[in-house]
PDB file of N, CA and C in Angstrom:
ATOM      1  N   MET A   1      89.771  45.334  21.264  1.00  0.00           N
ATOM      2  CA  MET A   1      89.076  46.341  20.594  1.00  0.00           C
ATOM      3  C   MET A   1      88.727  47.412  21.654  1.00  0.00           C
ATOM      4  N   SER A   2      88.954  48.677  21.309  1.00  0.00           N
ATOM      5  CA  SER A   2      88.773  49.770  22.228  1.00  0.00           C
ATOM      6  C   SER A   2      87.293  50.113  22.313  1.00  0.00           C
ATOM      7  N   VAL A   3      86.942  50.878  23.297  1.00  0.00           N
ATOM      8  CA  VAL A   3      85.556  51.322  23.461  1.00  0.00           C
ATOM      9  C   VAL A   3      85.120  52.232  22.331  1.00  0.00           C
ATOM     10  N   ALA A   4      86.046  53.064  21.814  1.00  0.00           N
ATOM     11  CA  ALA A   4      85.692  53.976  20.714  1.00  0.00           C
ATOM     12  C   ALA A   4      85.445  53.139  19.466  1.00  0.00           C
ATOM     13  N   ALA A   5      86.204  52.139  19.228  1.00  0.00           N
ATOM     14  CA  ALA A   5      86.036  51.295  18.030  1.00  0.00           C
ATOM     15  C   ALA A   5      84.698  50.531  18.129  1.00  0.00           C
ATOM     16  N   ALA A   6      84.407  50.073  19.262  1.00  0.00           N
ATOM     17  CA  ALA A   6      83.197  49.296  19.517  1.00  0.00           C
ATOM     18  C   ALA A   6      81.943  50.191  19.317  1.00  0.00           C
ATOM     19  N   GLY A   7      82.114  51.422  19.803  1.00  0.00           N
ATOM     20  CA  GLY A   7      80.982  52.435  19.615  1.00  0.00           C
ATOM     21  C   GLY A   7      80.788  52.743  18.145  1.00  0.00           C
ATOM     22  N   TYR A   8      81.943  52.942  17.468  1.00  0.00           N
ATOM     23  CA  TYR A   8      81.862  53.232  16.022  1.00  0.00           C
ATOM     24  C   TYR A   8      81.237  52.071  15.223  1.00  0.00           C
ATOM     25  N   LEU A   9      81.623  50.836  15.577  1.00  0.00           N
ATOM     26  CA  LEU A   9      81.002  49.687  14.898  1.00  0.00           C
ATOM     27  C   LEU A   9      79.542  49.533  15.195  1.00  0.00           C
ATOM     28  N   ALA A  10      79.137  49.793  16.398  1.00  0.00           N
ATOM     29  CA  ALA A  10      77.717  49.742  16.750  1.00  0.00           C
ATOM     30  C   ALA A  10      76.924  50.798  16.030  1.00  0.00           C
ATOM     31  N   ARG A  11      77.490  51.949  15.920  1.00  0.00           N
ATOM     32  CA  ARG A  11      76.804  53.069  15.206  1.00  0.00           C
ATOM     33  C   ARG A  11      76.626  52.700  13.740  1.00  0.00           C
ATOM     34  N   ARG A  12      77.736  52.212  13.125  1.00  0.00           N
ATOM     35  CA  ARG A  12      77.622  51.795  11.746  1.00  0.00           C
ATOM     36  C   ARG A  12      76.662  50.691  11.452  1.00  0.00           C
ATOM     37  N   ALA A  13      76.577  49.735  12.410  1.00  0.00           N
ATOM     38  CA  ALA A  13      75.579  48.694  12.265  1.00  0.00           C
ATOM     39  C   ALA A  13      74.200  49.196  12.319  1.00  0.00           C
ATOM     40  N   ALA A  14      73.931  50.139  13.257  1.00  0.00           N
ATOM     41  CA  ALA A  14      72.613  50.706  13.345  1.00  0.00           C
ATOM     42  C   ALA A  14      72.266  51.549  12.126  1.00  0.00           C
ATOM     43  N   GLN A  15      73.264  52.234  11.564  1.00  0.00           N
ATOM     44  CA  GLN A  15      73.050  52.984  10.305  1.00  0.00           C
ATOM     45  C   GLN A  15      72.712  52.049   9.132  1.00  0.00           C
ATOM     46  N   LYS A  16      73.410  50.951   9.021  1.00  0.00           N
ATOM     47  CA  LYS A  16      73.171  50.017   7.952  1.00  0.00           C
ATOM     48  C   LYS A  16      71.757  49.428   8.045  1.00  0.00           C
ATOM     49  N   GLU A  17      71.318  49.191   9.271  1.00  0.00           N
ATOM     50  CA  GLU A  17      69.996  48.682   9.489  1.00  0.00           C
ATOM     51  C   GLU A  17      68.947  49.703   9.114  1.00  0.00           C
ATOM     52  N   ARG A  18      69.153  50.980   9.470  1.00  0.00           N
ATOM     53  CA  ARG A  18      68.197  52.022   9.128  1.00  0.00           C
ATOM     54  C   ARG A  18      68.132  52.181   7.600  1.00  0.00           C
ATOM     55  N   VAL A  19      69.315  52.158   6.931  1.00  0.00           N
ATOM     56  CA  VAL A  19      69.281  52.267   5.463  1.00  0.00           C
ATOM     57  C   VAL A  19      68.562  51.125   4.849  1.00  0.00           C
ATOM     58  N   ARG A  20      68.789  49.901   5.367  1.00  0.00           N
ATOM     59  CA  ARG A  20      68.081  48.735   4.793  1.00  0.00           C
ATOM     60  C   ARG A  20      66.592  48.842   4.938  1.00  0.00           C
ATOM     61  N   ILE A  21      66.163  49.303   6.140  1.00  0.00           N
ATOM     62  CA  ILE A  21      64.683  49.441   6.372  1.00  0.00           C
ATOM     63  C   ILE A  21      64.120  50.539   5.499  1.00  0.00           C
ATOM     64  N   LEU A  22      64.853  51.653   5.327  1.00  0.00           N
ATOM     65  CA  LEU A  22      64.351  52.759   4.523  1.00  0.00           C
ATOM     66  C   LEU A  22      64.283  52.285   3.070  1.00  0.00           C
ATOM     67  N   TYR A  23      65.245  51.555   2.599  1.00  0.00           N
ATOM     68  CA  TYR A  23      65.248  51.055   1.208  1.00  0.00           C
ATOM     69  C   TYR A  23      64.021  50.096   0.996  1.00  0.00           C
ATOM     70  N   ARG A  24      63.824  49.186   1.923  1.00  0.00           N
ATOM     71  CA  ARG A  24      62.705  48.229   1.703  1.00  0.00           C
ATOM     72  C   ARG A  24      61.378  48.967   1.822  1.00  0.00           C
ATOM     73  N   ARG A  25      61.208  49.943   2.709  1.00  0.00           N
ATOM     74  CA  ARG A  25      59.944  50.689   2.785  1.00  0.00           C
ATOM     75  C   ARG A  25      59.665  51.400   1.532  1.00  0.00           C
ATOM     76  N   ALA A  26      60.725  52.098   1.042  1.00  0.00           N
ATOM     77  CA  ALA A  26      60.604  52.936  -0.212  1.00  0.00           C
ATOM     78  C   ALA A  26      60.325  51.994  -1.395  1.00  0.00           C
ATOM     79  N   LEU A  27      60.931  50.858  -1.491  1.00  0.00           N
ATOM     80  CA  LEU A  27      60.719  49.954  -2.536  1.00  0.00           C
ATOM     81  C   LEU A  27      59.308  49.393  -2.514  1.00  0.00           C
ATOM     82  N   LYS A  28      58.786  49.051  -1.379  1.00  0.00           N
ATOM     83  CA  LYS A  28      57.451  48.564  -1.263  1.00  0.00           C
ATOM     84  C   LYS A  28      56.450  49.674  -1.584  1.00  0.00           C
ATOM     85  N   ASP A  29      56.757  50.907  -1.145  1.00  0.00           N
ATOM     86  CA  ASP A  29      55.865  51.990  -1.488  1.00  0.00           C
ATOM     87  C   ASP A  29      55.873  52.313  -2.986  1.00  0.00           C
ATOM     88  N   THR A  30      56.946  52.041  -3.647  1.00  0.00           N
ATOM     89  CA  THR A  30      56.978  52.272  -5.163  1.00  0.00           C
ATOM     90  C   THR A  30      55.980  51.382  -5.792  1.00  0.00           C
ATOM     91  N   LEU A  31      55.705  50.173  -5.219  1.00  0.00           N
ATOM     92  CA  LEU A  31      54.661  49.314  -5.815  1.00  0.00           C
ATOM     93  C   LEU A  31      53.321  49.998  -5.771  1.00  0.00           C
ATOM     94  N   ASN A  32      53.055  50.839  -4.760  1.00  0.00           N
ATOM     95  CA  ASN A  32      51.762  51.497  -4.632  1.00  0.00           C
ATOM     96  C   ASN A  32      51.586  52.596  -5.671  1.00  0.00           C
ATOM     97  N   TRP A  33      52.690  53.216  -6.120  1.00  0.00           N
ATOM     98  CA  TRP A  33      52.642  54.284  -7.082  1.00  0.00           C
ATOM     99  C   TRP A  33      52.684  53.711  -8.523  1.00  0.00           C
ATOM    100  N   ALA A  34      53.327  52.644  -8.810  1.00  0.00           N
ATOM    101  CA  ALA A  34      53.473  52.096 -10.118  1.00  0.00           C
ATOM    102  C   ALA A  34      52.322  51.086 -10.353  1.00  0.00           C
ATOM    103  N   VAL A  35      51.480  51.410 -11.310  1.00  0.00           N
ATOM    104  CA  VAL A  35      50.288  50.568 -11.502  1.00  0.00           C
ATOM    105  C   VAL A  35      50.709  49.246 -12.227  1.00  0.00           C
ATOM    106  N   HIS A  36      51.611  49.350 -13.180  1.00  0.00           N
ATOM    107  CA  HIS A  36      52.007  48.177 -13.976  1.00  0.00           C
ATOM    108  C   HIS A  36      53.462  47.804 -13.565  1.00  0.00           C
ATOM    109  N   ARG A  37      53.772  46.520 -13.701  1.00  0.00           N
ATOM    110  CA  ARG A  37      55.088  45.968 -13.337  1.00  0.00           C
ATOM    111  C   ARG A  37      56.242  46.697 -14.101  1.00  0.00           C
ATOM    112  N   HIS A  38      56.035  46.922 -15.404  1.00  0.00           N
ATOM    113  CA  HIS A  38      57.162  47.551 -16.155  1.00  0.00           C
ATOM    114  C   HIS A  38      57.450  48.984 -15.700  1.00  0.00           C
ATOM    115  N   LEU A  39      56.421  49.639 -15.154  1.00  0.00           N
ATOM    116  CA  LEU A  39      56.672  50.911 -14.538  1.00  0.00           C
ATOM    117  C   LEU A  39      57.388  50.792 -13.206  1.00  0.00           C
ATOM    118  N   PHE A  40      56.942  49.775 -12.470  1.00  0.00           N
ATOM    119  CA  PHE A  40      57.654  49.560 -11.153  1.00  0.00           C
ATOM    120  C   PHE A  40      59.147  49.246 -11.350  1.00  0.00           C
ATOM    121  N   TYR A  41      59.482  48.444 -12.353  1.00  0.00           N
ATOM    122  CA  TYR A  41      60.881  48.048 -12.554  1.00  0.00           C
ATOM    123  C   TYR A  41      61.728  49.313 -12.827  1.00  0.00           C
ATOM    124  N   GLU A  42      61.225  50.221 -13.639  1.00  0.00           N
ATOM    125  CA  GLU A  42      61.957  51.476 -13.911  1.00  0.00           C
ATOM    126  C   GLU A  42      62.193  52.304 -12.641  1.00  0.00           C
ATOM    127  N   ASP A  43      61.088  52.487 -11.853  1.00  0.00           N
ATOM    128  CA  ASP A  43      61.141  53.245 -10.617  1.00  0.00           C
ATOM    129  C   ASP A  43      62.092  52.578  -9.612  1.00  0.00           C
ATOM    130  N   ALA A  44      62.019  51.237  -9.566  1.00  0.00           N
ATOM    131  CA  ALA A  44      62.894  50.468  -8.641  1.00  0.00           C
ATOM    132  C   ALA A  44      64.341  50.641  -8.966  1.00  0.00           C
ATOM    133  N   ASP A  45      64.657  50.667 -10.260  1.00  0.00           N
ATOM    134  CA  ASP A  45      66.012  50.903 -10.743  1.00  0.00           C
ATOM    135  C   ASP A  45      66.505  52.309 -10.344  1.00  0.00           C
ATOM    136  N   LEU A  46      65.645  53.311 -10.474  1.00  0.00           N
ATOM    137  CA  LEU A  46      66.003  54.656 -10.128  1.00  0.00           C
ATOM    138  C   LEU A  46      66.261  54.793  -8.606  1.00  0.00           C
ATOM    139  N   LEU A  47      65.410  54.117  -7.839  1.00  0.00           N
ATOM    140  CA  LEU A  47      65.540  54.110  -6.370  1.00  0.00           C
ATOM    141  C   LEU A  47      66.859  53.445  -5.960  1.00  0.00           C
ATOM    142  N   ARG A  48      67.132  52.318  -6.595  1.00  0.00           N
ATOM    143  CA  ARG A  48      68.401  51.607  -6.252  1.00  0.00           C
ATOM    144  C   ARG A  48      69.630  52.472  -6.604  1.00  0.00           C
ATOM    145  N   ALA A  49      69.516  53.143  -7.740  1.00  0.00           N
ATOM    146  CA  ALA A  49      70.648  53.991  -8.183  1.00  0.00           C
ATOM    147  C   ALA A  49      70.883  55.110  -7.173  1.00  0.00           C
ATOM    148  N   ARG A  50      69.792  55.689  -6.592  1.00  0.00           N
ATOM    149  CA  ARG A  50      69.908  56.733  -5.599  1.00  0.00           C
ATOM    150  C   ARG A  50      70.620  56.261  -4.340  1.00  0.00           C
ATOM    151  N   PHE A  51      70.332  54.989  -3.955  1.00  0.00           N
ATOM    152  CA  PHE A  51      71.013  54.467  -2.793  1.00  0.00           C
ATOM    153  C   PHE A  51      72.488  54.094  -3.083  1.00  0.00           C
ATOM    154  N   GLU A  52      72.689  53.553  -4.306  1.00  0.00           N
ATOM    155  CA  GLU A  52      74.050  53.177  -4.736  1.00  0.00           C
ATOM    156  C   GLU A  52      74.976  54.393  -4.834  1.00  0.00           C
ATOM    157  N   ASN A  53      74.459  55.523  -5.224  1.00  0.00           N
ATOM    158  CA  ASN A  53      75.272  56.749  -5.421  1.00  0.00           C
ATOM    159  C   ASN A  53      75.880  57.207  -4.110  1.00  0.00           C
ATOM    160  N   ASN A  54      75.234  56.836  -3.009  1.00  0.00           N
ATOM    161  CA  ASN A  54      75.770  57.316  -1.709  1.00  0.00           C
ATOM    162  C   ASN A  54      76.441  56.186  -0.875  1.00  0.00           C
ATOM    163  N   LYS A  55      76.733  55.082  -1.551  1.00  0.00           N
ATOM    164  CA  LYS A  55      77.314  53.915  -0.973  1.00  0.00           C
ATOM    165  C   LYS A  55      78.685  54.155  -0.403  1.00  0.00           C
ATOM    166  N   HIS A  56      79.445  55.109  -1.019  1.00  0.00           N
ATOM    167  CA  HIS A  56      80.846  55.295  -0.677  1.00  0.00           C
ATOM    168  C   HIS A  56      81.013  56.212   0.540  1.00  0.00           C
ATOM    169  N   VAL A  57      79.971  56.851   1.072  1.00  0.00           N
ATOM    170  CA  VAL A  57      80.081  57.862   2.161  1.00  0.00           C
ATOM    171  C   VAL A  57      80.524  57.099   3.450  1.00  0.00           C
ATOM    172  N   GLU A  58      81.548  57.626   4.117  1.00  0.00           N
ATOM    173  CA  GLU A  58      82.081  56.992   5.278  1.00  0.00           C
ATOM    174  C   GLU A  58      81.866  57.702   6.582  1.00  0.00           C
ATOM    175  N   ASP A  59      81.638  59.064   6.517  1.00  0.00           N
ATOM    176  CA  ASP A  59      81.508  59.857   7.731  1.00  0.00           C
ATOM    177  C   ASP A  59      80.181  59.586   8.370  1.00  0.00           C
ATOM    178  N   PRO A  60      80.199  59.168   9.672  1.00  0.00           N
ATOM    179  CA  PRO A  60      78.991  58.783  10.369  1.00  0.00           C
ATOM    180  C   PRO A  60      77.954  59.931  10.483  1.00  0.00           C
ATOM    181  N   ASP A  61      78.461  61.126  10.744  1.00  0.00           N
ATOM    182  CA  ASP A  61      77.488  62.277  10.820  1.00  0.00           C
ATOM    183  C   ASP A  61      76.842  62.591   9.483  1.00  0.00           C
ATOM    184  N   THR A  62      77.580  62.489   8.404  1.00  0.00           N
ATOM    185  CA  THR A  62      76.988  62.720   7.116  1.00  0.00           C
ATOM    186  C   THR A  62      75.963  61.572   6.800  1.00  0.00           C
ATOM    187  N   ILE A  63      76.320  60.357   7.138  1.00  0.00           N
ATOM    188  CA  ILE A  63      75.378  59.213   6.999  1.00  0.00           C
ATOM    189  C   ILE A  63      74.103  59.438   7.751  1.00  0.00           C
ATOM    190  N   ASP A  64      74.225  59.891   9.024  1.00  0.00           N
ATOM    191  CA  ASP A  64      73.018  60.168   9.834  1.00  0.00           C
ATOM    192  C   ASP A  64      72.161  61.253   9.144  1.00  0.00           C
ATOM    193  N   ARG A  65      72.782  62.283   8.669  1.00  0.00           N
ATOM    194  CA  ARG A  65      72.047  63.364   8.025  1.00  0.00           C
ATOM    195  C   ARG A  65      71.355  62.870   6.777  1.00  0.00           C
ATOM    196  N   MET A  66      72.054  62.098   5.988  1.00  0.00           N
ATOM    197  CA  MET A  66      71.455  61.563   4.750  1.00  0.00           C
ATOM    198  C   MET A  66      70.308  60.605   5.079  1.00  0.00           C
ATOM    199  N   ILE A  67      70.401  59.768   6.088  1.00  0.00           N
ATOM    200  CA  ILE A  67      69.299  58.934   6.500  1.00  0.00           C
ATOM    201  C   ILE A  67      68.088  59.744   6.926  1.00  0.00           C
ATOM    202  N   ALA A  68      68.352  60.739   7.719  1.00  0.00           N
ATOM    203  CA  ALA A  68      67.251  61.631   8.163  1.00  0.00           C
ATOM    204  C   ALA A  68      66.577  62.308   7.003  1.00  0.00           C
ATOM    205  N   ASP A  69      67.390  62.767   6.042  1.00  0.00           N
ATOM    206  CA  ASP A  69      66.789  63.423   4.828  1.00  0.00           C
ATOM    207  C   ASP A  69      65.982  62.421   4.054  1.00  0.00           C
ATOM    208  N   GLY A  70      66.533  61.204   3.900  1.00  0.00           N
ATOM    209  CA  GLY A  70      65.847  60.152   3.144  1.00  0.00           C
ATOM    210  C   GLY A  70      64.511  59.797   3.823  1.00  0.00           C
ATOM    211  N   GLU A  71      64.498  59.657   5.151  1.00  0.00           N
ATOM    212  CA  GLU A  71      63.286  59.331   5.849  1.00  0.00           C
ATOM    213  C   GLU A  71      62.272  60.407   5.736  1.00  0.00           C
ATOM    214  N   ALA A  72      62.712  61.674   5.791  1.00  0.00           N
ATOM    215  CA  ALA A  72      61.770  62.792   5.664  1.00  0.00           C
ATOM    216  C   ALA A  72      61.179  62.808   4.223  1.00  0.00           C
ATOM    217  N   GLN A  73      62.034  62.585   3.232  1.00  0.00           N
ATOM    218  CA  GLN A  73      61.569  62.534   1.880  1.00  0.00           C
ATOM    219  C   GLN A  73      60.580  61.397   1.685  1.00  0.00           C
ATOM    220  N   TYR A  74      60.887  60.235   2.235  1.00  0.00           N
ATOM    221  CA  TYR A  74      59.991  59.072   2.162  1.00  0.00           C
ATOM    222  C   TYR A  74      58.660  59.426   2.792  1.00  0.00           C
ATOM    223  N   ASN A  75      58.614  60.018   3.953  1.00  0.00           N
ATOM    224  CA  ASN A  75      57.357  60.393   4.654  1.00  0.00           C
ATOM    225  C   ASN A  75      56.584  61.425   3.853  1.00  0.00           C
ATOM    226  N   LYS A  76      57.341  62.365   3.160  1.00  0.00           N
ATOM    227  CA  LYS A  76      56.662  63.374   2.366  1.00  0.00           C
ATOM    228  C   LYS A  76      55.941  62.730   1.114  1.00  0.00           C
ATOM    229  N   TRP A  77      56.587  61.830   0.506  1.00  0.00           N
ATOM    230  CA  TRP A  77      56.087  61.206  -0.792  1.00  0.00           C
ATOM    231  C   TRP A  77      55.415  59.847  -0.606  1.00  0.00           C
ATOM    232  N   ARG A  78      55.185  59.451   0.682  1.00  0.00           N
ATOM    233  CA  ARG A  78      54.527  58.134   0.879  1.00  0.00           C
ATOM    234  C   ARG A  78      53.128  58.164   0.298  1.00  0.00           C
ATOM    235  N   HIS A  79      52.653  56.996  -0.258  1.00  0.00           N
ATOM    236  CA  HIS A  79      51.386  56.917  -0.866  1.00  0.00           C
ATOM    237  C   HIS A  79      50.267  57.113   0.136  1.00  0.00           C
ATOM    238  N   PRO A  80      49.231  57.949  -0.134  1.00  0.00           N
ATOM    239  CA  PRO A  80      48.234  58.154   0.853  1.00  0.00           C
ATOM    240  C   PRO A  80      47.223  56.958   1.053  1.00  0.00           C
ATOM    241  N   ASP A  81      47.137  56.080   0.060  1.00  0.00           N
ATOM    242  CA  ASP A  81      46.226  54.982   0.128  1.00  0.00           C
ATOM    243  C   ASP A  81      47.000  53.741  -0.367  1.00  0.00           C
ATOM    244  N   PRO A  82      47.865  53.145   0.463  1.00  0.00           N
ATOM    245  CA  PRO A  82      48.716  52.058   0.021  1.00  0.00           C
ATOM    246  C   PRO A  82      47.842  50.809  -0.213  1.00  0.00           C
ATOM    247  N   TYR A  83      48.382  49.923  -1.067  1.00  0.00           N
ATOM    248  CA  TYR A  83      47.737  48.650  -1.338  1.00  0.00           C
ATOM    249  C   TYR A  83      47.948  47.737  -0.147  1.00  0.00           C
ATOM    250  N   ILE A  84      46.893  47.127   0.239  1.00  0.00           N
ATOM    251  CA  ILE A  84      46.932  46.144   1.339  1.00  0.00           C
ATOM    252  C   ILE A  84      46.393  44.855   0.768  1.00  0.00           C
ATOM    253  N   VAL A  85      47.103  43.783   0.985  1.00  0.00           N
ATOM    254  CA  VAL A  85      46.672  42.436   0.551  1.00  0.00           C
ATOM    255  C   VAL A  85      45.263  42.150   1.194  1.00  0.00           C
ATOM    256  N   PRO A  86      44.307  41.715   0.411  1.00  0.00           N
ATOM    257  CA  PRO A  86      42.954  41.601   0.960  1.00  0.00           C
ATOM    258  C   PRO A  86      42.844  40.827   2.236  1.00  0.00           C
ATOM    259  N   TRP A  87      43.553  39.747   2.435  1.00  0.00           N
ATOM    260  CA  TRP A  87      43.412  38.916   3.608  1.00  0.00           C
ATOM    261  C   TRP A  87      44.289  39.339   4.759  1.00  0.00           C
ATOM    262  N   ALA A  88      45.093  40.400   4.553  1.00  0.00           N
ATOM    263  CA  ALA A  88      45.931  40.948   5.613  1.00  0.00           C
ATOM    264  C   ALA A  88      45.139  41.933   6.527  1.00  0.00           C
ATOM    265  N   PRO A  89      45.597  42.160   7.752  1.00  0.00           N
ATOM    266  CA  PRO A  89      44.843  43.138   8.555  1.00  0.00           C
ATOM    267  C   PRO A  89      44.774  44.485   7.865  1.00  0.00           C
ATOM    268  N   GLY A  90      43.547  44.986   7.766  1.00  0.00           N
ATOM    269  CA  GLY A  90      43.262  46.259   7.062  1.00  0.00           C
ATOM    270  C   GLY A  90      42.854  45.963   5.619  1.00  0.00           C
ATOM    271  N   GLY A  91      42.957  44.730   5.160  1.00  0.00           N
ATOM    272  CA  GLY A  91      42.525  44.403   3.795  1.00  0.00           C
ATOM    273  C   GLY A  91      40.984  44.273   3.710  1.00  0.00           C
ATOM    274  N   SER A  92      40.489  44.182   2.505  1.00  0.00           N
ATOM    275  CA  SER A  92      39.054  44.106   2.275  1.00  0.00           C
ATOM    276  C   SER A  92      38.424  42.813   2.701  1.00  0.00           C
ATOM    277  N   LYS A  93      39.178  41.685   2.752  1.00  0.00           N
ATOM    278  CA  LYS A  93      38.676  40.432   3.170  1.00  0.00           C
ATOM    279  C   LYS A  93      38.998  40.005   4.540  1.00  0.00           C
ATOM    280  N   PHE A  94      39.747  40.839   5.242  1.00  0.00           N
ATOM    281  CA  PHE A  94      40.170  40.481   6.623  1.00  0.00           C
ATOM    282  C   PHE A  94      38.970  40.406   7.489  1.00  0.00           C
ATOM    283  N   THR A  95      38.886  39.311   8.228  1.00  0.00           N
ATOM    284  CA  THR A  95      37.745  38.874   9.120  1.00  0.00           C
ATOM    285  C   THR A  95      36.410  38.921   8.362  1.00  0.00           C
ATOM    286  N   ARG A  96      36.402  38.635   7.115  1.00  0.00           N
ATOM    287  CA  ARG A  96      35.098  38.562   6.361  1.00  0.00           C
ATOM    288  C   ARG A  96      34.350  37.341   6.844  1.00  0.00           C
ATOM    289  N   ASN A  97      35.076  36.205   7.114  1.00  0.00           N
ATOM    290  CA  ASN A  97      34.483  35.029   7.645  1.00  0.00           C
ATOM    291  C   ASN A  97      35.089  34.724   8.978  1.00  0.00           C
ATOM    292  N   PRO A  98      34.650  35.438   9.994  1.00  0.00           N
ATOM    293  CA  PRO A  98      35.221  35.213  11.314  1.00  0.00           C
ATOM    294  C   PRO A  98      34.879  33.845  11.860  1.00  0.00           C
ATOM    295  N   THR A  99      35.648  33.430  12.803  1.00  0.00           N
ATOM    296  CA  THR A  99      35.381  32.152  13.455  1.00  0.00           C
ATOM    297  C   THR A  99      34.003  32.182  14.126  1.00  0.00           C
ATOM    298  N   PRO A 100      33.284  31.065  14.060  1.00  0.00           N
ATOM    299  CA  PRO A 100      31.917  31.062  14.706  1.00  0.00           C
ATOM    300  C   PRO A 100      32.020  31.135  16.184  1.00  0.00           C
ATOM    301  N   PRO A 101      30.951  31.669  16.826  1.00  0.00           N
ATOM    302  CA  PRO A 101      30.995  31.747  18.274  1.00  0.00           C
ATOM    303  C   PRO A 101      30.923  30.373  18.913  1.00  0.00           C
ATOM    304  N   GLU A 102      31.264  30.317  20.190  1.00  0.00           N
ATOM    305  CA  GLU A 102      31.240  29.075  20.972  1.00  0.00           C
ATOM    306  C   GLU A 102      29.855  28.445  20.905  1.00  0.00           C
ATOM    307  N   GLY A 103      29.831  27.171  20.795  1.00  0.00           N
ATOM    308  CA  GLY A 103      28.550  26.416  20.817  1.00  0.00           C
ATOM    309  C   GLY A 103      28.008  26.222  19.422  1.00  0.00           C
ATOM    310  N   ILE A 104      28.498  26.766  18.379  1.00  0.00           N
ATOM    311  CA  ILE A 104      28.002  26.622  17.041  1.00  0.00           C
ATOM    312  C   ILE A 104      28.823  25.530  16.364  1.00  0.00           C
ATOM    313  N   GLU A 105      28.179  24.557  15.804  1.00  0.00           N
ATOM    314  CA  GLU A 105      28.860  23.454  15.165  1.00  0.00           C
ATOM    315  C   GLU A 105      28.657  23.604  13.675  1.00  0.00           C
ATOM    316  N   ILE A 106      29.802  23.447  12.936  1.00  0.00           N
ATOM    317  CA  ILE A 106      29.707  23.567  11.516  1.00  0.00           C
ATOM    318  C   ILE A 106      29.874  22.152  10.865  1.00  0.00           C
ATOM    319  N   VAL A 107      28.929  21.748  10.050  1.00  0.00           N
ATOM    320  CA  VAL A 107      29.035  20.376   9.421  1.00  0.00           C
ATOM    321  C   VAL A 107      29.599  20.624   8.060  1.00  0.00           C
ATOM    322  N   TYR A 108      30.731  19.869   7.696  1.00  0.00           N
ATOM    323  CA  TYR A 108      31.350  20.027   6.443  1.00  0.00           C
ATOM    324  C   TYR A 108      31.134  18.876   5.473  1.00  0.00           C
ATOM    325  N   ASN A 109      30.114  18.023   5.667  1.00  0.00           N
ATOM    326  CA  ASN A 109      29.907  16.935   4.757  1.00  0.00           C
ATOM    327  C   ASN A 109      28.949  17.132   3.636  1.00  0.00           C
ATOM    328  N   TYR A 110      28.376  18.345   3.542  1.00  0.00           N
ATOM    329  CA  TYR A 110      27.632  18.867   2.425  1.00  0.00           C
ATOM    330  C   TYR A 110      26.661  17.896   1.771  1.00  0.00           C
ATOM    331  N   GLY A 111      25.641  17.479   2.478  1.00  0.00           N
ATOM    332  CA  GLY A 111      24.634  16.634   1.892  1.00  0.00           C
ATOM    333  C   GLY A 111      24.946  15.151   2.043  1.00  0.00           C
ATOM    334  N   ARG A 112      26.003  14.768   2.642  1.00  0.00           N
ATOM    335  CA  ARG A 112      26.339  13.345   2.822  1.00  0.00           C
ATOM    336  C   ARG A 112      26.072  12.935   4.296  1.00  0.00           C
ATOM    337  N   GLU A 113      25.038  13.621   4.859  1.00  0.00           N
ATOM    338  CA  GLU A 113      24.714  13.338   6.274  1.00  0.00           C
ATOM    339  C   GLU A 113      24.182  11.845   6.372  1.00  0.00           C
ATOM    340  N   ASP A 114      24.242  11.326   7.529  1.00  0.00           N
ATOM    341  CA  ASP A 114      23.642  10.016   7.746  1.00  0.00           C
ATOM    342  C   ASP A 114      22.135  10.125   7.660  1.00  0.00           C
ATOM    343  N   ASN A 115      21.512   9.187   6.987  1.00  0.00           N
ATOM    344  CA  ASN A 115      20.055   9.128   6.802  1.00  0.00           C
ATOM    345  C   ASN A 115      19.381   8.247   7.831  1.00  0.00           C
ATOM    346  N   ASP A 116      19.876   8.195   9.023  1.00  0.00           N
ATOM    347  CA  ASP A 116      19.278   7.352  10.029  1.00  0.00           C
ATOM    348  C   ASP A 116      18.037   7.998  10.666  1.00  0.00           C
TER     349      ASP A 116
END
């Protein structure tokens, strides 16, 4: 394999990864905009169709331009207040019950203590 071919394959692999990441981010962000599942499925189908329409493009420079345009469009239309799972970092329940400080003992037998 020549150096040029290896460079081309490496560039294509990087482009495929960028497209995959862009698609996943856009699909997850679609969940933030669609309140109900049936609305999400319609939007997800439209998003998938947009990616599938450009599946046949082979020119690396055109692909790079399309990826940059897609990322710019994603950043422009990204949800300003995305949904965060409550127990994930940034969620409403994250560190609600933090671990107790050193030296504090928690008894979990709830009234079944020894009566000695």
